[in-house]
C-alpha atoms as a PDB file:
ATOM      1  CA  UNK A   1     174.444 209.840  25.595  1.00  0.00           C
ATOM      2  CA  UNK A   2     175.321 211.418  28.773  1.00  0.00           C
ATOM      3  CA  UNK A   3     173.062 211.701  32.161  1.00  0.00           C
ATOM      4  CA  UNK A   4     173.337 214.509  34.252  1.00  0.00           C
ATOM      5  CA  UNK A   5     173.612 213.461  37.689  1.00  0.00           C
ATOM      6  CA  UNK A   6     173.634 217.206  39.171  1.00  0.00           C
ATOM      7  CA  UNK A   7     169.945 217.379  37.425  1.00  0.00           C
ATOM      8  CA  UNK A   8     167.921 214.767  39.722  1.00  0.00           C
ATOM      9  CA  UNK A   9     166.543 216.615  42.299  1.00  0.00           C
ATOM     10  CA  UNK A  10     168.294 215.674  45.892  1.00  0.00           C
ATOM     11  CA  UNK A  11     165.753 214.927  48.727  1.00  0.00           C
ATOM     12  CA  UNK A  12     168.391 215.850  51.246  1.00  0.00           C
ATOM     13  CA  UNK A  13     168.632 219.208  49.934  1.00  0.00           C
ATOM     14  CA  UNK A  14     165.224 219.701  49.247  1.00  0.00           C
ATOM     15  CA  UNK A  15     164.596 219.136  53.044  1.00  0.00           C
ATOM     16  CA  UNK A  16     167.222 221.143  53.907  1.00  0.00           C
ATOM     17  CA  UNK A  17     166.128 224.110  52.199  1.00  0.00           C
ATOM     18  CA  UNK A  18     162.290 223.447  53.468  1.00  0.00           C
ATOM     19  CA  UNK A  19     163.727 223.291  56.810  1.00  0.00           C
ATOM     20  CA  UNK A  20     165.768 226.987  56.256  1.00  0.00           C
ATOM     21  CA  UNK A  21     162.627 228.658  54.559  1.00  0.00           C
ATOM     22  CA  UNK A  22     160.628 226.728  57.466  1.00  0.00           C
ATOM     23  CA  UNK A  23     163.018 228.395  60.338  1.00  0.00           C
ATOM     24  CA  UNK A  24     162.374 231.709  58.801  1.00  0.00           C
ATOM     25  CA  UNK A  25     159.286 231.345  58.917  1.00  0.00           C
ATOM     26  CA  UNK A  26     158.625 231.309  62.567  1.00  0.00           C
ATOM     27  CA  UNK A  27     161.353 234.024  63.152  1.00  0.00           C
ATOM     28  CA  UNK A  28     158.887 236.212  61.632  1.00  0.00           C
ATOM     29  CA  UNK A  29     156.061 234.689  63.358  1.00  0.00           C
ATOM     30  CA  UNK A  30     157.745 234.965  66.695  1.00  0.00           C
ATOM     31  CA  UNK A  31     158.608 238.583  65.975  1.00  0.00           C
ATOM     32  CA  UNK A  32     154.782 239.435  64.469  1.00  0.00           C
ATOM     33  CA  UNK A  33     153.042 237.680  68.051  1.00  0.00           C
ATOM     34  CA  UNK A  34     156.013 239.562  70.169  1.00  0.00           C
ATOM     35  CA  UNK A  35     155.335 243.057  68.505  1.00  0.00           C
ATOM     36  CA  UNK A  36     151.739 242.379  68.657  1.00  0.00           C
ATOM     37  CA  UNK A  37     152.261 241.587  72.907  1.00  0.00           C
ATOM     38  CA  UNK A  38     154.102 244.758  73.184  1.00  0.00           C
ATOM     39  CA  UNK A  39     151.487 246.631  71.262  1.00  0.00           C
ATOM     40  CA  UNK A  40     148.703 245.137  73.793  1.00  0.00           C
ATOM     41  CA  UNK A  41     150.917 246.321  76.730  1.00  0.00           C
ATOM     42  CA  UNK A  42     151.745 249.685  75.126  1.00  0.00           C
ATOM     43  CA  UNK A  43     148.265 250.620  74.669  1.00  0.00           C
ATOM     44  CA  UNK A  44     147.086 249.079  78.161  1.00  0.00           C
ATOM     45  CA  UNK A  45     149.493 251.384  79.978  1.00  0.00           C
ATOM     46  CA  UNK A  46     149.070 254.162  77.592  1.00  0.00           C
ATOM     47  CA  UNK A  47     144.916 253.708  78.674  1.00  0.00           C
ATOM     48  CA  UNK A  48     143.260 252.815  75.113  1.00  0.00           C
ATOM     49  CA  UNK A  49     141.414 250.085  76.144  1.00  0.00           C
ATOM     50  CA  UNK A  50     139.076 251.810  78.287  1.00  0.00           C
ATOM     51  CA  UNK A  51     136.386 253.436  76.460  1.00  0.00           C
ATOM     52  CA  UNK A  52     137.214 257.240  76.159  1.00  0.00           C
ATOM     53  CA  UNK A  53     140.805 256.462  75.237  1.00  0.00           C
ATOM     54  CA  UNK A  54     139.661 254.000  72.297  1.00  0.00           C
ATOM     55  CA  UNK A  55     137.080 256.653  71.389  1.00  0.00           C
ATOM     56  CA  UNK A  56     139.781 259.260  71.356  1.00  0.00           C
ATOM     57  CA  UNK A  57     142.107 257.262  69.176  1.00  0.00           C
ATOM     58  CA  UNK A  58     139.714 256.690  66.951  1.00  0.00           C
ATOM     59  CA  UNK A  59     138.785 260.089  66.586  1.00  0.00           C
ATOM     60  CA  UNK A  60     141.724 260.983  65.656  1.00  0.00           C
ATOM     61  CA  UNK A  61     142.375 258.589  63.060  1.00  0.00           C
ATOM     62  CA  UNK A  62     138.630 259.699  61.562  1.00  0.00           C
ATOM     63  CA  UNK A  63     139.574 263.191  62.281  1.00  0.00           C
ATOM     64  CA  UNK A  64     143.279 263.293  60.844  1.00  0.00           C
ATOM     65  CA  UNK A  65     143.946 259.611  58.588  1.00  0.00           C
ATOM     66  CA  UNK A  66     142.923 259.861  54.452  1.00  0.00           C
ATOM     67  CA  UNK A  67     141.008 256.811  55.164  1.00  0.00           C
ATOM     68  CA  UNK A  68     138.174 256.244  52.431  1.00  0.00           C
ATOM     69  CA  UNK A  69     134.845 257.502  54.216  1.00  0.00           C
ATOM     70  CA  UNK A  70     133.421 254.332  54.181  1.00  0.00           C
ATOM     71  CA  UNK A  71     136.221 252.630  56.547  1.00  0.00           C
ATOM     72  CA  UNK A  72     135.525 256.525  58.624  1.00  0.00           C
ATOM     73  CA  UNK A  73     132.216 255.806  59.121  1.00  0.00           C
ATOM     74  CA  UNK A  74     132.948 252.177  60.230  1.00  0.00           C
ATOM     75  CA  UNK A  75     136.070 253.401  62.850  1.00  0.00           C
ATOM     76  CA  UNK A  76     133.138 256.337  64.235  1.00  0.00           C
ATOM     77  CA  UNK A  77     130.739 253.435  64.926  1.00  0.00           C
ATOM     78  CA  UNK A  78     133.444 251.206  67.110  1.00  0.00           C
ATOM     79  CA  UNK A  79     133.539 255.268  68.590  1.00  0.00           C
ATOM     80  CA  UNK A  80     130.155 255.034  69.478  1.00  0.00           C
ATOM     81  CA  UNK A  81     131.002 251.889  70.756  1.00  0.00           C
ATOM     82  CA  UNK A  82     133.850 252.102  72.965  1.00  0.00           C
ATOM     83  CA  UNK A  83     132.607 249.636  75.248  1.00  0.00           C
ATOM     84  CA  UNK A  84     132.013 246.683  73.465  1.00  0.00           C
ATOM     85  CA  UNK A  85     134.748 247.598  70.736  1.00  0.00           C
ATOM     86  CA  UNK A  86     138.049 248.744  73.440  1.00  0.00           C
ATOM     87  CA  UNK A  87     138.292 245.210  75.405  1.00  0.00           C
ATOM     88  CA  UNK A  88     137.232 243.559  72.241  1.00  0.00           C
ATOM     89  CA  UNK A  89     140.585 245.222  70.510  1.00  0.00           C
ATOM     90  CA  UNK A  90     142.768 244.124  73.868  1.00  0.00           C
ATOM     91  CA  UNK A  91     141.931 240.841  73.897  1.00  0.00           C
ATOM     92  CA  UNK A  92     142.207 240.752  69.909  1.00  0.00           C
ATOM     93  CA  UNK A  93     145.475 241.822  70.388  1.00  0.00           C
ATOM     94  CA  UNK A  94     147.178 239.717  73.124  1.00  0.00           C
ATOM     95  CA  UNK A  95     145.184 235.976  71.799  1.00  0.00           C
ATOM     96  CA  UNK A  96     146.855 236.840  68.586  1.00  0.00           C
ATOM     97  CA  UNK A  97     149.857 237.701  70.727  1.00  0.00           C
ATOM     98  CA  UNK A  98     150.153 234.856  72.104  1.00  0.00           C
ATOM     99  CA  UNK A  99     149.204 232.248  69.335  1.00  0.00           C
ATOM    100  CA  UNK A 100     151.394 233.624  67.179  1.00  0.00           C
ATOM    101  CA  UNK A 101     154.488 233.300  69.961  1.00  0.00           C
ATOM    102  CA  UNK A 102     153.924 230.192  70.716  1.00  0.00           C
ATOM    103  CA  UNK A 103     152.610 229.097  67.677  1.00  0.00           C
ATOM    104  CA  UNK A 104     149.861 227.469  68.068  1.00  0.00           C
ATOM    105  CA  UNK A 105     146.542 227.741  65.476  1.00  0.00           C
ATOM    106  CA  UNK A 106     148.897 229.789  63.467  1.00  0.00           C
ATOM    107  CA  UNK A 107     147.755 229.869  59.967  1.00  0.00           C
ATOM    108  CA  UNK A 108     144.441 230.883  61.378  1.00  0.00           C
ATOM    109  CA  UNK A 109     145.814 233.540  63.450  1.00  0.00           C
ATOM    110  CA  UNK A 110     148.472 234.217  61.106  1.00  0.00           C
ATOM    111  CA  UNK A 111     145.269 235.298  58.989  1.00  0.00           C
ATOM    112  CA  UNK A 112     143.261 237.194  60.877  1.00  0.00           C
ATOM    113  CA  UNK A 113     146.474 239.392  61.877  1.00  0.00           C
ATOM    114  CA  UNK A 114     146.654 239.554  58.386  1.00  0.00           C
ATOM    115  CA  UNK A 115     143.257 240.954  58.704  1.00  0.00           C
ATOM    116  CA  UNK A 116     143.506 243.064  61.673  1.00  0.00           C
ATOM    117  CA  UNK A 117     146.569 244.561  60.821  1.00  0.00           C
ATOM    118  CA  UNK A 118     145.399 246.059  57.654  1.00  0.00           C
ATOM    119  CA  UNK A 119     142.511 247.320  59.310  1.00  0.00           C
ATOM    120  CA  UNK A 120     144.885 249.302  61.405  1.00  0.00           C
ATOM    121  CA  UNK A 121     146.909 250.062  58.288  1.00  0.00           C
ATOM    122  CA  UNK A 122     143.873 251.731  56.578  1.00  0.00           C
ATOM    123  CA  UNK A 123     142.659 253.912  59.465  1.00  0.00           C
ATOM    124  CA  UNK A 124     146.249 255.523  59.313  1.00  0.00           C
ATOM    125  CA  UNK A 125     146.299 256.190  56.242  1.00  0.00           C
ATOM    126  CA  UNK A 126     148.030 260.402  55.662  1.00  0.00           C
ATOM    127  CA  UNK A 127     149.219 259.752  59.257  1.00  0.00           C
ATOM    128  CA  UNK A 128     151.929 257.163  59.864  1.00  0.00           C
ATOM    129  CA  UNK A 129     154.499 255.941  57.362  1.00  0.00           C
ATOM    130  CA  UNK A 130     152.469 254.038  55.063  1.00  0.00           C
ATOM    131  CA  UNK A 131     155.270 251.118  55.127  1.00  0.00           C
ATOM    132  CA  UNK A 132     155.041 251.122  59.024  1.00  0.00           C
ATOM    133  CA  UNK A 133     152.195 248.968  59.273  1.00  0.00           C
ATOM    134  CA  UNK A 134     152.209 247.648  55.521  1.00  0.00           C
ATOM    135  CA  UNK A 135     155.659 245.043  55.934  1.00  0.00           C
ATOM    136  CA  UNK A 136     153.901 243.456  59.464  1.00  0.00           C
ATOM    137  CA  UNK A 137     150.334 243.014  57.537  1.00  0.00           C
ATOM    138  CA  UNK A 138     151.817 241.344  54.544  1.00  0.00           C
ATOM    139  CA  UNK A 139     154.274 239.010  56.715  1.00  0.00           C
ATOM    140  CA  UNK A 140     151.236 238.233  58.434  1.00  0.00           C
ATOM    141  CA  UNK A 141     149.601 236.714  55.155  1.00  0.00           C
ATOM    142  CA  UNK A 142     152.605 234.829  54.735  1.00  0.00           C
ATOM    143  CA  UNK A 143     152.704 233.290  57.843  1.00  0.00           C
ATOM    144  CA  UNK A 144     148.959 232.084  57.038  1.00  0.00           C
ATOM    145  CA  UNK A 145     150.549 230.803  53.357  1.00  0.00           C
ATOM    146  CA  UNK A 146     153.334 228.990  54.257  1.00  0.00           C
ATOM    147  CA  UNK A 147     152.126 227.248  57.617  1.00  0.00           C
ATOM    148  CA  UNK A 148     154.688 228.872  59.735  1.00  0.00           C
ATOM    149  CA  UNK A 149     153.878 227.284  63.227  1.00  0.00           C
ATOM    150  CA  UNK A 150     155.030 223.920  61.778  1.00  0.00           C
ATOM    151  CA  UNK A 151     158.747 224.999  63.153  1.00  0.00           C
ATOM    152  CA  UNK A 152     159.033 226.096  66.364  1.00  0.00           C
ATOM    153  CA  UNK A 153     155.334 225.915  67.280  1.00  0.00           C
ATOM    154  CA  UNK A 154     153.423 223.890  69.015  1.00  0.00           C
ATOM    155  CA  UNK A 155     151.315 223.414  65.878  1.00  0.00           C
ATOM    156  CA  UNK A 156     154.557 221.412  65.029  1.00  0.00           C
ATOM    157  CA  UNK A 157     153.719 218.999  67.327  1.00  0.00           C
ATOM    158  CA  UNK A 158     149.648 219.013  66.310  1.00  0.00           C
ATOM    159  CA  UNK A 159     151.420 217.717  62.520  1.00  0.00           C
ATOM    160  CA  UNK A 160     153.307 215.056  63.607  1.00  0.00           C
ATOM    161  CA  UNK A 161     149.437 213.692  65.048  1.00  0.00           C
ATOM    162  CA  UNK A 162     147.471 215.248  61.943  1.00  0.00           C
ATOM    163  CA  UNK A 163     149.745 216.559  58.844  1.00  0.00           C
ATOM    164  CA  UNK A 164     147.305 217.527  56.401  1.00  0.00           C
ATOM    165  CA  UNK A 165     145.075 219.583  58.626  1.00  0.00           C
ATOM    166  CA  UNK A 166     144.301 222.962  57.602  1.00  0.00           C
ATOM    167  CA  UNK A 167     144.312 224.098  60.864  1.00  0.00           C
ATOM    168  CA  UNK A 168     148.694 223.844  60.756  1.00  0.00           C
END
């Protein structure tokens, strides 16, 4: 009976592949974070975080998108409370962007980004290319699942102290 040595898993190879995967997720994490920071400054420059600018954009989505009626009702509620909703959206975009870029609390930040970008995706149905936001939505979910802050992020440093924490 012969044993094939190559069939035995090589721990060094396994660690190398995990490191490559972590680096790949880190690239996606920084990209999604940078996108959110960019969008924050773009929207700020367009005046979309003012009550009038925010309400105008949301009302445009309500008028032109193919979102479900129940979602249009939620958007209408946000538009009618634009003085509160606009700064909340601004804070959400810049906070998620910075957290993802620096890799801090990556799993919860990425999951919130998944929900947030998913809501934007539904809001824009029929007004933009379907893949425009769907790719960042699913990439954000992958970041949450893949613990993308453990490479090139603050979470890597925190994981050295508490490796079993679900937060990073």
